[in-house]
C-alpha atoms as a PDB file:
ATOM      1  CA  UNK A   1     144.053   5.300  42.620  1.00  0.00           C
ATOM      2  CA  UNK A   2     145.763   1.718  43.274  1.00  0.00           C
ATOM      3  CA  UNK A   3     146.636  -0.843  40.799  1.00  0.00           C
ATOM      4  CA  UNK A   4     143.134  -0.649  39.046  1.00  0.00           C
ATOM      5  CA  UNK A   5     140.780   2.267  38.756  1.00  0.00           C
ATOM      6  CA  UNK A   6     137.382   3.361  37.186  1.00  0.00           C
ATOM      7  CA  UNK A   7     136.468   6.354  35.204  1.00  0.00           C
ATOM      8  CA  UNK A   8     134.139   7.222  32.459  1.00  0.00           C
ATOM      9  CA  UNK A   9     135.942   9.004  29.438  1.00  0.00           C
ATOM     10  CA  UNK A  10     135.181  10.240  26.157  1.00  0.00           C
ATOM     11  CA  UNK A  11     137.789   9.388  23.615  1.00  0.00           C
ATOM     12  CA  UNK A  12     139.672  12.565  21.729  1.00  0.00           C
ATOM     13  CA  UNK A  13     142.768  11.195  19.656  1.00  0.00           C
ATOM     14  CA  UNK A  14     143.939   7.523  18.944  1.00  0.00           C
ATOM     15  CA  UNK A  15     147.089   6.604  17.255  1.00  0.00           C
ATOM     16  CA  UNK A  16     148.610   3.196  16.348  1.00  0.00           C
ATOM     17  CA  UNK A  17     150.877   1.319  18.969  1.00  0.00           C
ATOM     18  CA  UNK A  18     152.937  -1.925  18.107  1.00  0.00           C
ATOM     19  CA  UNK A  19     151.528  -4.211  16.045  1.00  0.00           C
ATOM     20  CA  UNK A  20     148.116  -4.605  17.235  1.00  0.00           C
ATOM     21  CA  UNK A  21     147.363  -2.071  19.945  1.00  0.00           C
ATOM     22  CA  UNK A  22     145.901   1.642  19.983  1.00  0.00           C
ATOM     23  CA  UNK A  23     147.146   4.271  22.228  1.00  0.00           C
ATOM     24  CA  UNK A  24     144.097   6.696  23.138  1.00  0.00           C
ATOM     25  CA  UNK A  25     143.853  10.234  24.881  1.00  0.00           C
ATOM     26  CA  UNK A  26     140.872  10.301  26.911  1.00  0.00           C
ATOM     27  CA  UNK A  27     139.084  13.024  28.630  1.00  0.00           C
ATOM     28  CA  UNK A  28     137.532  11.633  31.787  1.00  0.00           C
ATOM     29  CA  UNK A  29     135.144  13.142  34.282  1.00  0.00           C
ATOM     30  CA  UNK A  30     137.054  12.086  37.380  1.00  0.00           C
ATOM     31  CA  UNK A  31     140.890  12.157  36.624  1.00  0.00           C
ATOM     32  CA  UNK A  32     140.812  15.094  33.371  1.00  0.00           C
ATOM     33  CA  UNK A  33     143.062  13.913  30.402  1.00  0.00           C
ATOM     34  CA  UNK A  34     144.551  10.646  30.761  1.00  0.00           C
ATOM     35  CA  UNK A  35     146.386   8.572  27.890  1.00  0.00           C
ATOM     36  CA  UNK A  36     146.035   4.411  27.995  1.00  0.00           C
ATOM     37  CA  UNK A  37     146.819   1.649  25.525  1.00  0.00           C
ATOM     38  CA  UNK A  38     143.949  -0.280  24.262  1.00  0.00           C
ATOM     39  CA  UNK A  39     145.604  -4.102  24.099  1.00  0.00           C
ATOM     40  CA  UNK A  40     144.899  -5.492  20.758  1.00  0.00           C
ATOM     41  CA  UNK A  41     142.591  -2.825  19.614  1.00  0.00           C
ATOM     42  CA  UNK A  42     143.663  -3.098  16.086  1.00  0.00           C
ATOM     43  CA  UNK A  43     143.350  -6.857  15.870  1.00  0.00           C
ATOM     44  CA  UNK A  44     140.508  -8.423  13.431  1.00  0.00           C
ATOM     45  CA  UNK A  45     137.288  -8.857  15.423  1.00  0.00           C
ATOM     46  CA  UNK A  46     138.593  -7.257  18.450  1.00  0.00           C
ATOM     47  CA  UNK A  47     135.797  -6.537  20.769  1.00  0.00           C
ATOM     48  CA  UNK A  48     137.730  -3.490  21.861  1.00  0.00           C
ATOM     49  CA  UNK A  49     138.215  -2.104  18.630  1.00  0.00           C
ATOM     50  CA  UNK A  50     134.857  -0.085  18.393  1.00  0.00           C
ATOM     51  CA  UNK A  51     135.334   0.981  21.918  1.00  0.00           C
ATOM     52  CA  UNK A  52     138.565   2.623  20.927  1.00  0.00           C
ATOM     53  CA  UNK A  53     136.865   5.028  18.125  1.00  0.00           C
ATOM     54  CA  UNK A  54     136.615   8.730  18.236  1.00  0.00           C
ATOM     55  CA  UNK A  55     133.998  10.233  20.444  1.00  0.00           C
ATOM     56  CA  UNK A  56     133.196   7.080  21.991  1.00  0.00           C
ATOM     57  CA  UNK A  57     131.907   7.192  25.469  1.00  0.00           C
ATOM     58  CA  UNK A  58     133.103   4.338  27.978  1.00  0.00           C
ATOM     59  CA  UNK A  59     132.861   3.194  31.403  1.00  0.00           C
ATOM     60  CA  UNK A  60     136.563   2.341  31.903  1.00  0.00           C
ATOM     61  CA  UNK A  61     138.462  -0.049  34.366  1.00  0.00           C
ATOM     62  CA  UNK A  62     142.026   0.917  34.088  1.00  0.00           C
ATOM     63  CA  UNK A  63     144.984  -0.665  35.026  1.00  0.00           C
ATOM     64  CA  UNK A  64     148.233   1.428  36.516  1.00  0.00           C
ATOM     65  CA  UNK A  65     151.239   1.049  34.575  1.00  0.00           C
ATOM     66  CA  UNK A  66     154.727   2.250  34.911  1.00  0.00           C
ATOM     67  CA  UNK A  67     154.800   4.678  31.777  1.00  0.00           C
ATOM     68  CA  UNK A  68     151.298   3.937  30.466  1.00  0.00           C
ATOM     69  CA  UNK A  69     147.822   2.983  31.758  1.00  0.00           C
ATOM     70  CA  UNK A  70     146.325  -0.077  29.707  1.00  0.00           C
ATOM     71  CA  UNK A  71     142.494  -0.100  29.592  1.00  0.00           C
ATOM     72  CA  UNK A  72     141.308  -3.755  30.909  1.00  0.00           C
ATOM     73  CA  UNK A  73     137.325  -3.358  30.665  1.00  0.00           C
ATOM     74  CA  UNK A  74     135.206  -0.880  28.288  1.00  0.00           C
ATOM     75  CA  UNK A  75     131.447  -0.509  28.405  1.00  0.00           C
ATOM     76  CA  UNK A  76     130.245   1.833  25.732  1.00  0.00           C
ATOM     77  CA  UNK A  77     127.531   4.619  26.698  1.00  0.00           C
ATOM     78  CA  UNK A  78     127.671   6.604  23.794  1.00  0.00           C
ATOM     79  CA  UNK A  79     129.155   6.925  20.490  1.00  0.00           C
ATOM     80  CA  UNK A  80     127.907   9.578  18.296  1.00  0.00           C
ATOM     81  CA  UNK A  81     127.339   7.974  14.847  1.00  0.00           C
ATOM     82  CA  UNK A  82     125.664  10.619  13.220  1.00  0.00           C
ATOM     83  CA  UNK A  83     129.341  12.448  13.306  1.00  0.00           C
ATOM     84  CA  UNK A  84     130.759   9.938  11.505  1.00  0.00           C
ATOM     85  CA  UNK A  85     127.989   9.897   8.691  1.00  0.00           C
ATOM     86  CA  UNK A  86     128.444  13.233   8.153  1.00  0.00           C
ATOM     87  CA  UNK A  87     131.962  14.686   7.141  1.00  0.00           C
ATOM     88  CA  UNK A  88     131.125  18.204   8.023  1.00  0.00           C
ATOM     89  CA  UNK A  89     129.954  17.041  11.449  1.00  0.00           C
ATOM     90  CA  UNK A  90     132.817  15.079  11.895  1.00  0.00           C
ATOM     91  CA  UNK A  91     135.172  18.194  11.360  1.00  0.00           C
ATOM     92  CA  UNK A  92     133.292  19.694  13.548  1.00  0.00           C
ATOM     93  CA  UNK A  93     133.417  17.468  16.297  1.00  0.00           C
ATOM     94  CA  UNK A  94     137.489  17.032  15.844  1.00  0.00           C
ATOM     95  CA  UNK A  95     137.385  21.257  15.842  1.00  0.00           C
ATOM     96  CA  UNK A  96     135.888  21.016  19.383  1.00  0.00           C
ATOM     97  CA  UNK A  97     137.851  18.009  20.579  1.00  0.00           C
ATOM     98  CA  UNK A  98     141.326  19.841  19.525  1.00  0.00           C
ATOM     99  CA  UNK A  99     139.856  22.915  21.823  1.00  0.00           C
ATOM    100  CA  UNK A 100     139.245  20.625  24.447  1.00  0.00           C
ATOM    101  CA  UNK A 101     142.908  19.410  24.267  1.00  0.00           C
ATOM    102  CA  UNK A 102     144.292  22.777  24.420  1.00  0.00           C
ATOM    103  CA  UNK A 103     142.649  23.462  27.686  1.00  0.00           C
ATOM    104  CA  UNK A 104     142.026  20.038  29.735  1.00  0.00           C
ATOM    105  CA  UNK A 105     144.149  19.155  32.705  1.00  0.00           C
ATOM    106  CA  UNK A 106     145.353  15.974  33.890  1.00  0.00           C
ATOM    107  CA  UNK A 107     145.127  14.319  37.413  1.00  0.00           C
ATOM    108  CA  UNK A 108     142.212  17.018  38.219  1.00  0.00           C
ATOM    109  CA  UNK A 109     138.490  16.315  37.910  1.00  0.00           C
ATOM    110  CA  UNK A 110     136.941  17.817  34.423  1.00  0.00           C
ATOM    111  CA  UNK A 111     133.294  17.470  35.221  1.00  0.00           C
ATOM    112  CA  UNK A 112     132.361  20.345  33.547  1.00  0.00           C
ATOM    113  CA  UNK A 113     134.493  20.373  30.474  1.00  0.00           C
ATOM    114  CA  UNK A 114     133.404  16.621  29.927  1.00  0.00           C
ATOM    115  CA  UNK A 115     129.724  17.622  30.075  1.00  0.00           C
ATOM    116  CA  UNK A 116     130.178  20.576  28.247  1.00  0.00           C
ATOM    117  CA  UNK A 117     132.009  18.791  25.221  1.00  0.00           C
ATOM    118  CA  UNK A 118     129.195  15.782  24.901  1.00  0.00           C
ATOM    119  CA  UNK A 119     126.416  18.684  25.190  1.00  0.00           C
ATOM    120  CA  UNK A 120     127.583  20.371  21.972  1.00  0.00           C
ATOM    121  CA  UNK A 121     128.627  16.876  20.222  1.00  0.00           C
ATOM    122  CA  UNK A 122     125.201  15.842  20.755  1.00  0.00           C
ATOM    123  CA  UNK A 123     123.628  19.150  19.417  1.00  0.00           C
ATOM    124  CA  UNK A 124     125.786  18.926  16.385  1.00  0.00           C
ATOM    125  CA  UNK A 125     124.973  15.168  15.645  1.00  0.00           C
ATOM    126  CA  UNK A 126     121.084  16.043  15.568  1.00  0.00           C
ATOM    127  CA  UNK A 127     121.320  18.627  13.240  1.00  0.00           C
ATOM    128  CA  UNK A 128     120.174  17.486   9.246  1.00  0.00           C
ATOM    129  CA  UNK A 129     122.746  16.475   7.167  1.00  0.00           C
ATOM    130  CA  UNK A 130     123.933  18.733   4.658  1.00  0.00           C
ATOM    131  CA  UNK A 131     124.207  15.835   2.086  1.00  0.00           C
ATOM    132  CA  UNK A 132     127.270  14.805   0.392  1.00  0.00           C
ATOM    133  CA  UNK A 133     129.983  17.299  -0.728  1.00  0.00           C
ATOM    134  CA  UNK A 134     128.777  20.131   1.772  1.00  0.00           C
ATOM    135  CA  UNK A 135     128.799  21.410   4.816  1.00  0.00           C
ATOM    136  CA  UNK A 136     125.697  23.353   6.461  1.00  0.00           C
ATOM    137  CA  UNK A 137     125.980  26.561   8.110  1.00  0.00           C
ATOM    138  CA  UNK A 138     123.913  25.321  11.011  1.00  0.00           C
ATOM    139  CA  UNK A 139     126.946  22.852  11.817  1.00  0.00           C
ATOM    140  CA  UNK A 140     129.770  25.986  11.375  1.00  0.00           C
ATOM    141  CA  UNK A 141     127.154  27.880  13.592  1.00  0.00           C
ATOM    142  CA  UNK A 142     126.730  25.271  16.669  1.00  0.00           C
ATOM    143  CA  UNK A 143     130.575  24.636  16.175  1.00  0.00           C
ATOM    144  CA  UNK A 144     131.099  28.185  17.001  1.00  0.00           C
ATOM    145  CA  UNK A 145     128.888  28.169  19.644  1.00  0.00           C
ATOM    146  CA  UNK A 146     130.391  25.428  21.378  1.00  0.00           C
ATOM    147  CA  UNK A 147     133.963  26.938  20.736  1.00  0.00           C
ATOM    148  CA  UNK A 148     132.775  30.136  23.148  1.00  0.00           C
ATOM    149  CA  UNK A 149     131.309  27.926  25.745  1.00  0.00           C
ATOM    150  CA  UNK A 150     134.438  26.191  25.782  1.00  0.00           C
ATOM    151  CA  UNK A 151     136.489  29.243  26.236  1.00  0.00           C
ATOM    152  CA  UNK A 152     133.931  30.736  28.580  1.00  0.00           C
ATOM    153  CA  UNK A 153     134.353  27.506  30.704  1.00  0.00           C
ATOM    154  CA  UNK A 154     138.372  28.185  30.770  1.00  0.00           C
ATOM    155  CA  UNK A 155     137.895  31.889  31.641  1.00  0.00           C
ATOM    156  CA  UNK A 156     138.875  33.057  28.524  1.00  0.00           C
ATOM    157  CA  UNK A 157     136.230  34.012  26.459  1.00  0.00           C
ATOM    158  CA  UNK A 158     136.470  37.323  24.597  1.00  0.00           C
ATOM    159  CA  UNK A 159     134.408  40.295  25.484  1.00  0.00           C
ATOM    160  CA  UNK A 160     131.676  41.060  22.855  1.00  0.00           C
ATOM    161  CA  UNK A 161     129.086  42.900  24.665  1.00  0.00           C
ATOM    162  CA  UNK A 162     131.003  46.035  25.545  1.00  0.00           C
ATOM    163  CA  UNK A 163     133.926  47.854  24.381  1.00  0.00           C
ATOM    164  CA  UNK A 164     137.431  46.441  25.459  1.00  0.00           C
ATOM    165  CA  UNK A 165     138.588  49.976  25.974  1.00  0.00           C
ATOM    166  CA  UNK A 166     135.583  51.891  27.407  1.00  0.00           C
ATOM    167  CA  UNK A 167     133.285  49.144  28.670  1.00  0.00           C
ATOM    168  CA  UNK A 168     130.267  50.680  27.197  1.00  0.00           C
ATOM    169  CA  UNK A 169     127.933  48.648  25.547  1.00  0.00           C
ATOM    170  CA  UNK A 170     128.147  47.989  21.935  1.00  0.00           C
ATOM    171  CA  UNK A 171     124.872  47.853  20.025  1.00  0.00           C
ATOM    172  CA  UNK A 172     124.615  46.648  16.540  1.00  0.00           C
ATOM    173  CA  UNK A 173     123.394  49.411  14.271  1.00  0.00           C
ATOM    174  CA  UNK A 174     121.569  47.597  11.816  1.00  0.00           C
ATOM    175  CA  UNK A 175     120.053  50.863   9.896  1.00  0.00           C
ATOM    176  CA  UNK A 176     123.754  51.861   8.513  1.00  0.00           C
ATOM    177  CA  UNK A 177     125.373  49.328   5.750  1.00  0.00           C
ATOM    178  CA  UNK A 178     128.711  50.843   6.723  1.00  0.00           C
ATOM    179  CA  UNK A 179     128.729  50.423  10.404  1.00  0.00           C
ATOM    180  CA  UNK A 180     131.435  48.804  11.915  1.00  0.00           C
ATOM    181  CA  UNK A 181     132.893  47.496  15.244  1.00  0.00           C
ATOM    182  CA  UNK A 182     136.501  46.579  15.622  1.00  0.00           C
ATOM    183  CA  UNK A 183     137.942  43.278  17.307  1.00  0.00           C
ATOM    184  CA  UNK A 184     141.114  43.318  18.817  1.00  0.00           C
ATOM    185  CA  UNK A 185     142.809  39.978  20.091  1.00  0.00           C
ATOM    186  CA  UNK A 186     145.638  41.977  22.155  1.00  0.00           C
ATOM    187  CA  UNK A 187     142.694  44.044  23.650  1.00  0.00           C
ATOM    188  CA  UNK A 188     140.701  41.153  24.695  1.00  0.00           C
ATOM    189  CA  UNK A 189     137.487  41.450  22.397  1.00  0.00           C
ATOM    190  CA  UNK A 190     135.462  44.208  20.460  1.00  0.00           C
ATOM    191  CA  UNK A 191     136.604  47.544  20.367  1.00  0.00           C
ATOM    192  CA  UNK A 192     134.489  50.816  19.282  1.00  0.00           C
ATOM    193  CA  UNK A 193     136.186  52.507  16.549  1.00  0.00           C
ATOM    194  CA  UNK A 194     134.963  55.809  17.390  1.00  0.00           C
ATOM    195  CA  UNK A 195     136.477  55.447  20.690  1.00  0.00           C
ATOM    196  CA  UNK A 196     139.621  54.363  19.566  1.00  0.00           C
ATOM    197  CA  UNK A 197     140.446  57.147  17.316  1.00  0.00           C
ATOM    198  CA  UNK A 198     139.721  59.403  20.105  1.00  0.00           C
ATOM    199  CA  UNK A 199     141.980  58.084  22.631  1.00  0.00           C
ATOM    200  CA  UNK A 200     144.599  57.663  20.128  1.00  0.00           C
ATOM    201  CA  UNK A 201     144.196  61.188  18.739  1.00  0.00           C
ATOM    202  CA  UNK A 202     146.005  64.301  19.254  1.00  0.00           C
ATOM    203  CA  UNK A 203     145.559  65.334  22.989  1.00  0.00           C
ATOM    204  CA  UNK A 204     144.320  62.036  24.276  1.00  0.00           C
ATOM    205  CA  UNK A 205     145.316  62.677  27.683  1.00  0.00           C
ATOM    206  CA  UNK A 206     147.274  60.079  30.086  1.00  0.00           C
ATOM    207  CA  UNK A 207     146.222  56.237  30.604  1.00  0.00           C
ATOM    208  CA  UNK A 208     143.154  55.348  31.550  1.00  0.00           C
ATOM    209  CA  UNK A 209     142.530  52.579  34.359  1.00  0.00           C
ATOM    210  CA  UNK A 210     139.590  50.596  33.753  1.00  0.00           C
ATOM    211  CA  UNK A 211     138.289  47.797  36.519  1.00  0.00           C
ATOM    212  CA  UNK A 212     137.639  44.485  34.530  1.00  0.00           C
ATOM    213  CA  UNK A 213     136.539  41.223  35.731  1.00  0.00           C
ATOM    214  CA  UNK A 214     138.928  38.145  35.005  1.00  0.00           C
ATOM    215  CA  UNK A 215     135.989  36.188  35.139  1.00  0.00           C
ATOM    216  CA  UNK A 216     133.706  35.667  32.278  1.00  0.00           C
ATOM    217  CA  UNK A 217     130.097  34.635  32.882  1.00  0.00           C
ATOM    218  CA  UNK A 218     128.206  31.961  30.196  1.00  0.00           C
ATOM    219  CA  UNK A 219     124.570  31.580  30.064  1.00  0.00           C
ATOM    220  CA  UNK A 220     124.871  28.052  28.747  1.00  0.00           C
ATOM    221  CA  UNK A 221     122.555  25.712  30.298  1.00  0.00           C
ATOM    222  CA  UNK A 222     122.339  22.057  29.753  1.00  0.00           C
ATOM    223  CA  UNK A 223     119.887  19.564  31.231  1.00  0.00           C
ATOM    224  CA  UNK A 224     122.311  16.829  31.472  1.00  0.00           C
ATOM    225  CA  UNK A 225     124.953  18.786  32.961  1.00  0.00           C
ATOM    226  CA  UNK A 226     123.545  21.231  35.563  1.00  0.00           C
ATOM    227  CA  UNK A 227     125.659  23.844  33.922  1.00  0.00           C
ATOM    228  CA  UNK A 228     123.352  26.718  34.920  1.00  0.00           C
ATOM    229  CA  UNK A 229     122.686  29.799  33.256  1.00  0.00           C
ATOM    230  CA  UNK A 230     124.437  32.470  34.583  1.00  0.00           C
ATOM    231  CA  UNK A 231     127.396  30.420  35.885  1.00  0.00           C
ATOM    232  CA  UNK A 232     130.394  32.407  36.465  1.00  0.00           C
ATOM    233  CA  UNK A 233     133.500  30.922  35.101  1.00  0.00           C
ATOM    234  CA  UNK A 234     136.957  31.180  36.521  1.00  0.00           C
ATOM    235  CA  UNK A 235     140.694  30.570  35.446  1.00  0.00           C
ATOM    236  CA  UNK A 236     142.514  27.374  36.877  1.00  0.00           C
ATOM    237  CA  UNK A 237     143.349  28.096  40.367  1.00  0.00           C
ATOM    238  CA  UNK A 238     146.944  27.138  39.216  1.00  0.00           C
ATOM    239  CA  UNK A 239     147.095  30.495  37.518  1.00  0.00           C
ATOM    240  CA  UNK A 240     145.711  32.870  40.136  1.00  0.00           C
ATOM    241  CA  UNK A 241     148.021  35.491  39.781  1.00  0.00           C
ATOM    242  CA  UNK A 242     149.764  36.694  36.248  1.00  0.00           C
ATOM    243  CA  UNK A 243     150.901  39.422  34.893  1.00  0.00           C
ATOM    244  CA  UNK A 244     150.535  40.028  31.240  1.00  0.00           C
ATOM    245  CA  UNK A 245     152.052  42.601  28.842  1.00  0.00           C
ATOM    246  CA  UNK A 246     149.770  42.812  25.536  1.00  0.00           C
ATOM    247  CA  UNK A 247     150.658  45.543  23.510  1.00  0.00           C
ATOM    248  CA  UNK A 248     148.938  48.570  24.853  1.00  0.00           C
ATOM    249  CA  UNK A 249     147.952  46.814  27.976  1.00  0.00           C
ATOM    250  CA  UNK A 250     149.213  45.599  31.049  1.00  0.00           C
ATOM    251  CA  UNK A 251     146.738  43.473  32.923  1.00  0.00           C
ATOM    252  CA  UNK A 252     147.476  42.249  36.395  1.00  0.00           C
ATOM    253  CA  UNK A 253     144.831  38.938  36.615  1.00  0.00           C
ATOM    254  CA  UNK A 254     143.516  37.629  39.988  1.00  0.00           C
ATOM    255  CA  UNK A 255     140.738  35.060  40.407  1.00  0.00           C
ATOM    256  CA  UNK A 256     138.425  38.133  41.300  1.00  0.00           C
ATOM    257  CA  UNK A 257     139.506  41.192  39.022  1.00  0.00           C
ATOM    258  CA  UNK A 258     142.294  42.776  37.095  1.00  0.00           C
ATOM    259  CA  UNK A 259     143.244  46.326  36.229  1.00  0.00           C
ATOM    260  CA  UNK A 260     143.852  47.057  32.520  1.00  0.00           C
ATOM    261  CA  UNK A 261     145.779  50.271  32.016  1.00  0.00           C
ATOM    262  CA  UNK A 262     144.753  51.844  28.662  1.00  0.00           C
ATOM    263  CA  UNK A 263     147.976  53.895  26.996  1.00  0.00           C
ATOM    264  CA  UNK A 264     146.307  56.223  24.121  1.00  0.00           C
ATOM    265  CA  UNK A 265     149.892  56.725  22.575  1.00  0.00           C
ATOM    266  CA  UNK A 266     150.296  53.283  21.867  1.00  0.00           C
ATOM    267  CA  UNK A 267     147.484  52.053  19.175  1.00  0.00           C
ATOM    268  CA  UNK A 268     145.278  49.449  19.801  1.00  0.00           C
ATOM    269  CA  UNK A 269     145.621  46.730  17.193  1.00  0.00           C
ATOM    270  CA  UNK A 270     142.416  45.907  15.342  1.00  0.00           C
ATOM    271  CA  UNK A 271     142.616  42.560  13.759  1.00  0.00           C
ATOM    272  CA  UNK A 272     139.358  42.700  11.992  1.00  0.00           C
ATOM    273  CA  UNK A 273     136.197  44.771  11.694  1.00  0.00           C
ATOM    274  CA  UNK A 274     132.798  43.247  12.098  1.00  0.00           C
ATOM    275  CA  UNK A 275     129.491  44.533  10.424  1.00  0.00           C
ATOM    276  CA  UNK A 276     126.365  44.652  12.697  1.00  0.00           C
ATOM    277  CA  UNK A 277     125.208  41.261  11.842  1.00  0.00           C
ATOM    278  CA  UNK A 278     128.440  39.634  12.557  1.00  0.00           C
ATOM    279  CA  UNK A 279     128.562  41.434  16.031  1.00  0.00           C
ATOM    280  CA  UNK A 280     124.894  40.523  16.641  1.00  0.00           C
ATOM    281  CA  UNK A 281     125.663  36.640  15.889  1.00  0.00           C
ATOM    282  CA  UNK A 282     129.178  37.020  18.252  1.00  0.00           C
ATOM    283  CA  UNK A 283     127.113  38.495  21.123  1.00  0.00           C
ATOM    284  CA  UNK A 284     124.555  35.855  20.910  1.00  0.00           C
ATOM    285  CA  UNK A 285     127.381  33.091  21.267  1.00  0.00           C
ATOM    286  CA  UNK A 286     126.841  33.233  25.183  1.00  0.00           C
ATOM    287  CA  UNK A 287     123.326  32.232  25.161  1.00  0.00           C
ATOM    288  CA  UNK A 288     121.884  28.926  26.117  1.00  0.00           C
ATOM    289  CA  UNK A 289     120.789  28.009  22.402  1.00  0.00           C
ATOM    290  CA  UNK A 290     121.167  29.379  19.055  1.00  0.00           C
ATOM    291  CA  UNK A 291     118.132  28.873  16.753  1.00  0.00           C
ATOM    292  CA  UNK A 292     118.925  28.476  12.978  1.00  0.00           C
ATOM    293  CA  UNK A 293     118.495  29.762  10.713  1.00  0.00           C
ATOM    294  CA  UNK A 294     118.939  33.360  11.895  1.00  0.00           C
ATOM    295  CA  UNK A 295     119.773  32.488  15.775  1.00  0.00           C
ATOM    296  CA  UNK A 296     117.338  35.206  16.475  1.00  0.00           C
ATOM    297  CA  UNK A 297     117.848  37.921  13.939  1.00  0.00           C
ATOM    298  CA  UNK A 298     114.205  37.021  12.214  1.00  0.00           C
ATOM    299  CA  UNK A 299     114.037  40.504  11.066  1.00  0.00           C
ATOM    300  CA  UNK A 300     117.525  39.883   9.098  1.00  0.00           C
ATOM    301  CA  UNK A 301     115.988  37.509   6.818  1.00  0.00           C
ATOM    302  CA  UNK A 302     117.357  39.340   3.504  1.00  0.00           C
ATOM    303  CA  UNK A 303     121.160  39.485   5.250  1.00  0.00           C
ATOM    304  CA  UNK A 304     123.909  37.075   4.264  1.00  0.00           C
ATOM    305  CA  UNK A 305     124.075  35.748   7.621  1.00  0.00           C
ATOM    306  CA  UNK A 306     125.811  32.762   5.958  1.00  0.00           C
ATOM    307  CA  UNK A 307     128.871  34.928   5.151  1.00  0.00           C
ATOM    308  CA  UNK A 308     128.782  36.413   8.586  1.00  0.00           C
ATOM    309  CA  UNK A 309     129.080  32.903  10.514  1.00  0.00           C
ATOM    310  CA  UNK A 310     132.249  32.151   8.469  1.00  0.00           C
ATOM    311  CA  UNK A 311     133.373  35.326   9.173  1.00  0.00           C
ATOM    312  CA  UNK A 312     132.715  35.073  13.464  1.00  0.00           C
ATOM    313  CA  UNK A 313     134.276  31.279  13.449  1.00  0.00           C
ATOM    314  CA  UNK A 314     137.322  32.747  11.630  1.00  0.00           C
ATOM    315  CA  UNK A 315     137.730  35.698  14.631  1.00  0.00           C
ATOM    316  CA  UNK A 316     136.852  33.285  17.281  1.00  0.00           C
ATOM    317  CA  UNK A 317     139.699  30.923  16.183  1.00  0.00           C
ATOM    318  CA  UNK A 318     142.162  33.563  15.685  1.00  0.00           C
ATOM    319  CA  UNK A 319     141.499  34.698  19.302  1.00  0.00           C
ATOM    320  CA  UNK A 320     141.374  30.860  20.450  1.00  0.00           C
ATOM    321  CA  UNK A 321     144.672  30.001  18.526  1.00  0.00           C
ATOM    322  CA  UNK A 322     146.165  33.228  20.306  1.00  0.00           C
ATOM    323  CA  UNK A 323     145.006  32.427  23.726  1.00  0.00           C
ATOM    324  CA  UNK A 324     146.285  28.843  23.610  1.00  0.00           C
ATOM    325  CA  UNK A 325     149.316  29.748  21.525  1.00  0.00           C
ATOM    326  CA  UNK A 326     148.860  27.072  19.431  1.00  0.00           C
ATOM    327  CA  UNK A 327     147.446  26.564  16.003  1.00  0.00           C
ATOM    328  CA  UNK A 328     143.675  24.611  15.554  1.00  0.00           C
ATOM    329  CA  UNK A 329     144.755  22.092  12.688  1.00  0.00           C
ATOM    330  CA  UNK A 330     141.265  20.452  12.394  1.00  0.00           C
ATOM    331  CA  UNK A 331     140.110  24.133  11.278  1.00  0.00           C
ATOM    332  CA  UNK A 332     142.071  23.703   7.741  1.00  0.00           C
ATOM    333  CA  UNK A 333     138.976  20.981   7.284  1.00  0.00           C
ATOM    334  CA  UNK A 334     136.752  23.954   7.770  1.00  0.00           C
ATOM    335  CA  UNK A 335     138.106  26.401   5.379  1.00  0.00           C
ATOM    336  CA  UNK A 336     138.156  24.021   2.661  1.00  0.00           C
ATOM    337  CA  UNK A 337     134.428  23.208   2.888  1.00  0.00           C
ATOM    338  CA  UNK A 338     133.652  26.591   2.430  1.00  0.00           C
ATOM    339  CA  UNK A 339     136.267  27.308   0.225  1.00  0.00           C
ATOM    340  CA  UNK A 340     135.195  25.142  -2.494  1.00  0.00           C
ATOM    341  CA  UNK A 341     132.156  23.418  -1.324  1.00  0.00           C
ATOM    342  CA  UNK A 342     128.333  25.104  -1.453  1.00  0.00           C
ATOM    343  CA  UNK A 343     126.950  26.165   1.569  1.00  0.00           C
ATOM    344  CA  UNK A 344     123.608  24.685   2.574  1.00  0.00           C
ATOM    345  CA  UNK A 345     120.909  27.341   3.954  1.00  0.00           C
END
């Protein structure tokens, strides 16, 4: 990259450094995650101060350093001011940034991840404000949508359209109030409860070998990014082959496929159960857009989709935390909103 290099990046994290500097963690299109110092950013009336803010997108000229690079010039391209004017939107943006930090790579181009994050931040910013003291459910829905797309881009989105054990399609039954489907983090997604009981019952037989793609497909389409509908996303090439032992499964993954051995004598752990509305919302997360208020479920206007979105976000969060092996700290802000503050319809 030489003594100086140019990059376009969005600020994901910042902290004070020294007397007046600021240390930024930046996701760039060209080089992935970088950490760079903004000299004098905390001085009063510093021209660089605003350009070091959270979610600000800058065209950067960066000077290479021995341990840390320094930002020599920055020209702001986007700043998402609407996020900072609504605490609920700001919390959602911080949540997405934290998920990106879990999966972003350094010293490698991250064009798709950069564009995907900016697309979802833009969508959240454009939502109506909930008003003081509230976080709107549309913000929660769009946050959950963004998290699913980020997981899909990383190649680790949960299986939600079919049973993780049998691979048979799962269709929500809105006519049966007690209808439920399981969600198993260890199994990688949704599980048919009757099929689980059948396989784990007496005389269930030997292990079942099922083919399953290690790649996940997202239907996300962005006019800005060129991330087309039906794009196939794959795990990082550095993890082309992994052997994973997860409870009742042993899965060998490659860039093309892996095989799953289901051992009926080892019960599949069900982390939660979803009703028909919750499953329908979960299944629609792979779509390019979600439409509020009912995300395409106009025939369910009497259903409590607000509560359903809270449940879907929480199970997807648990799944993401398991995949990344770390907690999402920003999620505590989301919990506090829906525990004590009114939900805007």
